[in-house]
Amino acid sequence: MTTPHGTFVWNDLLTTDVEKAKAFFARTLGWTYEDFSLEGQPYFVIKSGAEMVGGLGAIEHGDVETTSSYWIGFIEVEGIDERFATALEAGAVAIRPPHDVEGIGRVCVLRDPTGAAVGWMQSA
């Protein structure tokens, strides 16, 4: 079953303290974590029960330039490359252009015309 275009499908927490964040959400929400580190960068899949609900990684590996921890949501899109180009024409600013993530699909990060950061994903 494919996820409908325009649906939020993933949330990432990029944090200044990975272990502190993991402990907080494990204690308060019962989340567990599965190591999914890429290219030596620590990253964990967040699980609520058996369901994968998001990811958690170190802020220095995130795409948004900031010194504060942040959450970013990813929206499923069809034709990510074309839509990314259209978004730029419509006033978005590229943070990270579409790129492949092994086993996931193609993802990009942009700022909408209001300045809000958002991720787009074309699932594999």
N, C-alpha and C. Protein backbone atom coordinates (compact mmCIF):
# COMPACT_ATOMS: atom_id res chain seq x y z
N MET A 1 0.84 -1.18 0.00
CA MET A 1 0.00 0.00 0.00
C MET A 1 0.88 1.24 0.00
N THR A 2 0.64 2.15 -0.90
CA THR A 2 1.43 3.37 -0.96
C THR A 2 0.76 4.48 -0.15
N THR A 3 1.57 5.36 0.36
CA THR A 3 1.07 6.48 1.14
C THR A 3 0.61 7.57 0.18
N PRO A 4 -0.56 8.14 0.43
CA PRO A 4 -1.06 9.19 -0.47
C PRO A 4 -0.17 10.43 -0.49
N HIS A 5 -0.05 11.00 -1.66
CA HIS A 5 0.68 12.25 -1.86
C HIS A 5 0.11 13.31 -0.91
N GLY A 6 0.99 14.08 -0.28
CA GLY A 6 0.55 15.16 0.60
C GLY A 6 0.34 14.77 2.05
N THR A 7 0.68 13.53 2.41
CA THR A 7 0.47 13.02 3.76
C THR A 7 1.78 13.10 4.56
N PHE A 8 1.70 13.58 5.80
CA PHE A 8 2.89 13.53 6.67
C PHE A 8 3.21 12.06 6.95
N VAL A 9 4.47 11.68 6.74
CA VAL A 9 4.86 10.28 6.87
C VAL A 9 5.99 10.03 7.86
N TRP A 10 6.70 11.06 8.27
CA TRP A 10 7.86 10.84 9.12
C TRP A 10 8.15 12.11 9.89
N ASN A 11 8.69 11.96 11.10
CA ASN A 11 9.14 13.10 11.90
C ASN A 11 10.53 12.79 12.44
N ASP A 12 11.41 13.76 12.33
CA ASP A 12 12.77 13.62 12.85
C ASP A 12 12.99 14.61 13.98
N LEU A 13 13.66 14.15 15.02
CA LEU A 13 14.15 15.02 16.08
C LEU A 13 15.66 15.10 15.91
N LEU A 14 16.17 16.29 15.68
CA LEU A 14 17.60 16.53 15.63
C LEU A 14 17.94 17.30 16.90
N THR A 15 18.82 16.73 17.71
CA THR A 15 18.99 17.23 19.07
C THR A 15 20.45 17.45 19.45
N THR A 16 20.63 18.31 20.43
CA THR A 16 21.96 18.59 20.97
C THR A 16 22.43 17.50 21.92
N ASP A 17 21.50 16.62 22.35
CA ASP A 17 21.86 15.56 23.29
C ASP A 17 21.01 14.31 22.98
N VAL A 18 21.52 13.47 22.12
CA VAL A 18 20.80 12.28 21.65
C VAL A 18 20.39 11.39 22.82
N GLU A 19 21.32 11.08 23.70
CA GLU A 19 21.01 10.15 24.80
C GLU A 19 19.98 10.73 25.76
N LYS A 20 20.06 12.01 26.04
CA LYS A 20 19.08 12.66 26.93
C LYS A 20 17.69 12.63 26.30
N ALA A 21 17.61 12.91 25.00
CA ALA A 21 16.32 12.88 24.30
C ALA A 21 15.76 11.46 24.28
N LYS A 22 16.60 10.47 23.99
CA LYS A 22 16.14 9.09 23.98
C LYS A 22 15.58 8.70 25.35
N ALA A 23 16.28 9.04 26.40
CA ALA A 23 15.84 8.69 27.75
C ALA A 23 14.53 9.39 28.10
N PHE A 24 14.40 10.66 27.74
CA PHE A 24 13.18 11.41 28.04
C PHE A 24 11.96 10.78 27.38
N PHE A 25 12.05 10.52 26.08
CA PHE A 25 10.89 10.00 25.37
C PHE A 25 10.62 8.53 25.70
N ALA A 26 11.65 7.78 26.05
CA ALA A 26 11.44 6.40 26.50
C ALA A 26 10.65 6.41 27.81
N ARG A 27 11.03 7.30 28.71
CA ARG A 27 10.36 7.37 30.01
C ARG A 27 8.95 7.93 29.92
N THR A 28 8.76 8.97 29.10
CA THR A 28 7.46 9.65 29.07
C THR A 28 6.48 9.06 28.08
N LEU A 29 6.97 8.48 26.96
CA LEU A 29 6.08 7.95 25.93
C LEU A 29 6.25 6.45 25.69
N GLY A 30 7.25 5.86 26.32
CA GLY A 30 7.47 4.44 26.13
C GLY A 30 8.14 4.08 24.82
N TRP A 31 8.74 5.07 24.15
CA TRP A 31 9.40 4.78 22.87
C TRP A 31 10.62 3.90 23.07
N THR A 32 10.91 3.10 22.04
CA THR A 32 12.14 2.34 21.97
C THR A 32 12.86 2.79 20.70
N TYR A 33 14.09 2.35 20.55
CA TYR A 33 14.92 2.85 19.44
C TYR A 33 15.66 1.71 18.77
N GLU A 34 15.82 1.86 17.47
CA GLU A 34 16.57 0.89 16.68
C GLU A 34 17.67 1.65 15.95
N ASP A 35 18.91 1.20 16.11
CA ASP A 35 20.04 1.88 15.49
C ASP A 35 19.91 1.82 13.96
N PHE A 36 20.03 2.97 13.33
CA PHE A 36 19.99 3.08 11.87
C PHE A 36 21.06 4.08 11.43
N SER A 37 22.21 4.05 12.10
CA SER A 37 23.28 5.00 11.82
C SER A 37 23.73 4.88 10.36
N LEU A 38 23.95 6.04 9.75
CA LEU A 38 24.37 6.11 8.36
C LEU A 38 25.71 6.83 8.26
N GLU A 39 26.63 6.24 7.55
CA GLU A 39 27.93 6.85 7.30
C GLU A 39 28.57 7.35 8.59
N GLY A 40 28.48 6.55 9.66
CA GLY A 40 29.08 6.91 10.92
C GLY A 40 28.34 7.97 11.73
N GLN A 41 27.19 8.41 11.24
CA GLN A 41 26.41 9.42 11.94
C GLN A 41 25.33 8.72 12.77
N PRO A 42 25.32 8.96 14.09
CA PRO A 42 24.33 8.28 14.93
C PRO A 42 22.91 8.71 14.58
N TYR A 43 22.06 7.72 14.35
CA TYR A 43 20.66 7.97 14.02
C TYR A 43 19.87 6.76 14.50
N PHE A 44 18.71 7.02 15.07
CA PHE A 44 17.89 5.95 15.62
C PHE A 44 16.47 6.07 15.09
N VAL A 45 15.89 4.94 14.70
CA VAL A 45 14.48 4.89 14.35
C VAL A 45 13.70 4.85 15.65
N ILE A 46 12.72 5.72 15.78
CA ILE A 46 11.86 5.75 16.96
C ILE A 46 10.72 4.77 16.73
N LYS A 47 10.46 3.93 17.74
CA LYS A 47 9.38 2.96 17.64
C LYS A 47 8.39 3.15 18.79
N SER A 48 7.13 3.16 18.43
CA SER A 48 6.04 3.15 19.41
C SER A 48 5.40 1.78 19.29
N GLY A 49 5.70 0.91 20.26
CA GLY A 49 5.33 -0.49 20.10
C GLY A 49 6.15 -1.05 18.95
N ALA A 50 5.49 -1.69 18.00
CA ALA A 50 6.19 -2.25 16.84
C ALA A 50 6.25 -1.27 15.67
N GLU A 51 5.54 -0.14 15.78
CA GLU A 51 5.44 0.81 14.67
C GLU A 51 6.58 1.83 14.66
N MET A 52 7.20 2.00 13.49
CA MET A 52 8.22 3.04 13.32
C MET A 52 7.50 4.38 13.15
N VAL A 53 7.83 5.34 14.03
CA VAL A 53 7.10 6.62 14.01
C VAL A 53 7.98 7.82 13.71
N GLY A 54 9.29 7.64 13.70
CA GLY A 54 10.16 8.78 13.42
C GLY A 54 11.61 8.41 13.59
N GLY A 55 12.44 9.44 13.62
CA GLY A 55 13.87 9.25 13.76
C GLY A 55 14.46 10.26 14.72
N LEU A 56 15.63 9.96 15.24
CA LEU A 56 16.29 10.80 16.22
C LEU A 56 17.78 10.78 15.92
N GLY A 57 18.37 11.97 15.79
CA GLY A 57 19.79 12.06 15.50
C GLY A 57 20.40 13.32 16.08
N ALA A 58 21.69 13.46 15.89
CA ALA A 58 22.43 14.60 16.41
C ALA A 58 22.22 15.83 15.53
N ILE A 59 22.06 16.97 16.17
CA ILE A 59 21.76 18.21 15.47
C ILE A 59 22.81 18.56 14.41
N GLU A 60 24.06 18.23 14.68
CA GLU A 60 25.11 18.61 13.72
C GLU A 60 24.99 17.85 12.41
N HIS A 61 24.18 16.79 12.38
CA HIS A 61 23.97 16.05 11.15
C HIS A 61 22.65 16.43 10.47
N GLY A 62 21.91 17.34 11.08
CA GLY A 62 20.65 17.80 10.50
C GLY A 62 20.87 18.79 9.38
N ASP A 63 19.81 19.08 8.65
CA ASP A 63 19.91 19.97 7.50
C ASP A 63 19.64 21.44 7.84
N VAL A 64 18.97 21.70 8.94
CA VAL A 64 18.61 23.07 9.31
C VAL A 64 19.74 23.64 10.16
N GLU A 65 20.23 24.82 9.78
CA GLU A 65 21.31 25.45 10.54
C GLU A 65 20.73 26.14 11.76
N THR A 66 21.02 25.57 12.93
CA THR A 66 20.56 26.11 14.19
C THR A 66 21.36 25.48 15.31
N THR A 67 21.34 26.10 16.47
CA THR A 67 22.01 25.52 17.63
C THR A 67 20.99 24.92 18.60
N SER A 68 19.71 25.03 18.27
CA SER A 68 18.64 24.48 19.12
C SER A 68 18.11 23.18 18.54
N SER A 69 17.77 22.27 19.42
CA SER A 69 17.13 21.02 18.99
C SER A 69 15.83 21.35 18.27
N TYR A 70 15.44 20.53 17.30
CA TYR A 70 14.20 20.79 16.57
C TYR A 70 13.61 19.51 16.00
N TRP A 71 12.30 19.55 15.80
CA TRP A 71 11.56 18.50 15.10
C TRP A 71 11.32 18.98 13.67
N ILE A 72 11.35 18.06 12.72
CA ILE A 72 10.98 18.38 11.34
C ILE A 72 10.12 17.25 10.78
N GLY A 73 9.02 17.62 10.17
CA GLY A 73 8.11 16.66 9.57
C GLY A 73 8.41 16.47 8.09
N PHE A 74 8.17 15.25 7.60
CA PHE A 74 8.36 14.93 6.18
C PHE A 74 7.03 14.54 5.57
N ILE A 75 6.77 15.08 4.40
CA ILE A 75 5.52 14.86 3.67
C ILE A 75 5.81 14.00 2.44
N GLU A 76 5.00 12.97 2.22
CA GLU A 76 5.13 12.12 1.03
C GLU A 76 4.73 12.92 -0.20
N VAL A 77 5.57 12.88 -1.23
CA VAL A 77 5.26 13.57 -2.49
C VAL A 77 5.55 12.65 -3.67
N GLU A 78 4.81 12.85 -4.73
CA GLU A 78 5.07 12.16 -6.00
C GLU A 78 5.92 13.09 -6.85
N GLY A 79 6.87 12.54 -7.59
CA GLY A 79 7.70 13.35 -8.48
C GLY A 79 8.49 14.41 -7.73
N ILE A 80 9.27 13.99 -6.74
CA ILE A 80 9.94 14.93 -5.84
C ILE A 80 10.84 15.93 -6.56
N ASP A 81 11.55 15.50 -7.59
CA ASP A 81 12.46 16.42 -8.28
C ASP A 81 11.70 17.56 -8.96
N GLU A 82 10.64 17.21 -9.66
CA GLU A 82 9.83 18.22 -10.34
C GLU A 82 9.13 19.13 -9.34
N ARG A 83 8.59 18.54 -8.28
CA ARG A 83 7.90 19.34 -7.27
C ARG A 83 8.86 20.26 -6.53
N PHE A 84 10.08 19.81 -6.29
CA PHE A 84 11.09 20.65 -5.65
C PHE A 84 11.37 21.87 -6.51
N ALA A 85 11.55 21.65 -7.81
CA ALA A 85 11.78 22.77 -8.73
C ALA A 85 10.60 23.74 -8.73
N THR A 86 9.38 23.20 -8.72
CA THR A 86 8.19 24.04 -8.67
C THR A 86 8.13 24.82 -7.37
N ALA A 87 8.51 24.18 -6.27
CA ALA A 87 8.51 24.85 -4.97
C ALA A 87 9.46 26.04 -4.97
N LEU A 88 10.64 25.88 -5.57
CA LEU A 88 11.59 26.99 -5.64
C LEU A 88 11.02 28.12 -6.47
N GLU A 89 10.37 27.80 -7.58
CA GLU A 89 9.73 28.83 -8.42
C GLU A 89 8.62 29.55 -7.66
N ALA A 90 7.98 28.85 -6.72
CA ALA A 90 6.86 29.41 -5.96
C ALA A 90 7.32 30.14 -4.69
N GLY A 91 8.63 30.27 -4.49
CA GLY A 91 9.12 31.06 -3.38
C GLY A 91 9.79 30.30 -2.25
N ALA A 92 9.91 28.97 -2.37
CA ALA A 92 10.61 28.19 -1.35
C ALA A 92 12.11 28.41 -1.48
N VAL A 93 12.83 28.09 -0.42
CA VAL A 93 14.29 28.18 -0.41
C VAL A 93 14.83 26.79 -0.12
N ALA A 94 15.78 26.36 -0.92
CA ALA A 94 16.37 25.03 -0.75
C ALA A 94 17.26 24.99 0.48
N ILE A 95 17.04 23.99 1.32
CA ILE A 95 17.97 23.69 2.40
C ILE A 95 18.85 22.53 1.97
N ARG A 96 18.21 21.48 1.44
CA ARG A 96 18.95 20.33 0.89
C ARG A 96 18.13 19.78 -0.27
N PRO A 97 18.70 19.78 -1.47
CA PRO A 97 17.95 19.31 -2.64
C PRO A 97 17.66 17.81 -2.57
N PRO A 98 16.78 17.32 -3.44
CA PRO A 98 16.46 15.89 -3.44
C PRO A 98 17.71 15.03 -3.57
N HIS A 99 17.76 14.00 -2.73
CA HIS A 99 18.89 13.07 -2.73
C HIS A 99 18.38 11.71 -2.26
N ASP A 100 19.09 10.67 -2.64
CA ASP A 100 18.70 9.31 -2.29
C ASP A 100 19.17 8.94 -0.90
N VAL A 101 18.30 8.27 -0.15
CA VAL A 101 18.65 7.69 1.14
C VAL A 101 18.38 6.20 1.02
N GLU A 102 19.43 5.41 1.14
CA GLU A 102 19.34 3.97 0.91
C GLU A 102 18.23 3.33 1.75
N GLY A 103 17.38 2.59 1.08
CA GLY A 103 16.30 1.87 1.75
C GLY A 103 15.11 2.74 2.11
N ILE A 104 15.18 4.03 1.86
CA ILE A 104 14.10 4.95 2.22
C ILE A 104 13.44 5.55 0.98
N GLY A 105 14.24 6.12 0.09
CA GLY A 105 13.73 6.78 -1.11
C GLY A 105 14.50 8.06 -1.35
N ARG A 106 13.81 9.05 -1.94
CA ARG A 106 14.42 10.36 -2.18
C ARG A 106 13.81 11.36 -1.20
N VAL A 107 14.66 12.19 -0.62
CA VAL A 107 14.19 13.19 0.32
C VAL A 107 14.83 14.54 0.01
N CYS A 108 14.16 15.59 0.44
CA CYS A 108 14.71 16.94 0.35
C CYS A 108 14.20 17.74 1.53
N VAL A 109 14.84 18.86 1.80
CA VAL A 109 14.41 19.77 2.87
C VAL A 109 14.41 21.17 2.29
N LEU A 110 13.35 21.92 2.60
CA LEU A 110 13.22 23.28 2.09
C LEU A 110 12.55 24.16 3.12
N ARG A 111 12.60 25.46 2.90
CA ARG A 111 11.83 26.43 3.68
C ARG A 111 10.71 26.91 2.78
N ASP A 112 9.49 26.85 3.30
CA ASP A 112 8.37 27.37 2.51
C ASP A 112 8.47 28.89 2.47
N PRO A 113 7.63 29.58 1.70
CA PRO A 113 7.74 31.03 1.60
C PRO A 113 7.55 31.79 2.91
N THR A 114 7.03 31.14 3.95
CA THR A 114 6.90 31.79 5.26
C THR A 114 8.13 31.58 6.12
N GLY A 115 9.08 30.75 5.66
CA GLY A 115 10.30 30.49 6.40
C GLY A 115 10.30 29.19 7.18
N ALA A 116 9.19 28.46 7.18
CA ALA A 116 9.11 27.20 7.93
C ALA A 116 9.86 26.09 7.19
N ALA A 117 10.66 25.33 7.93
CA ALA A 117 11.38 24.20 7.34
C ALA A 117 10.46 22.99 7.29
N VAL A 118 10.56 22.25 6.17
CA VAL A 118 9.78 21.04 5.99
C VAL A 118 10.56 20.07 5.10
N GLY A 119 10.35 18.79 5.33
CA GLY A 119 10.97 17.78 4.50
C GLY A 119 9.95 17.15 3.58
N TRP A 120 10.39 16.75 2.42
CA TRP A 120 9.55 16.00 1.48
C TRP A 120 10.23 14.66 1.24
N MET A 121 9.43 13.63 1.03
CA MET A 121 9.96 12.29 0.82
C MET A 121 9.17 11.60 -0.29
N GLN A 122 9.90 10.99 -1.21
CA GLN A 122 9.31 10.10 -2.21
C GLN A 122 9.79 8.72 -1.84
N SER A 123 8.93 7.96 -1.17
CA SER A 123 9.33 6.67 -0.63
C SER A 123 9.74 5.69 -1.73
N ALA A 124 10.70 4.85 -1.38
CA ALA A 124 11.19 3.83 -2.31
C ALA A 124 10.11 2.81 -2.55
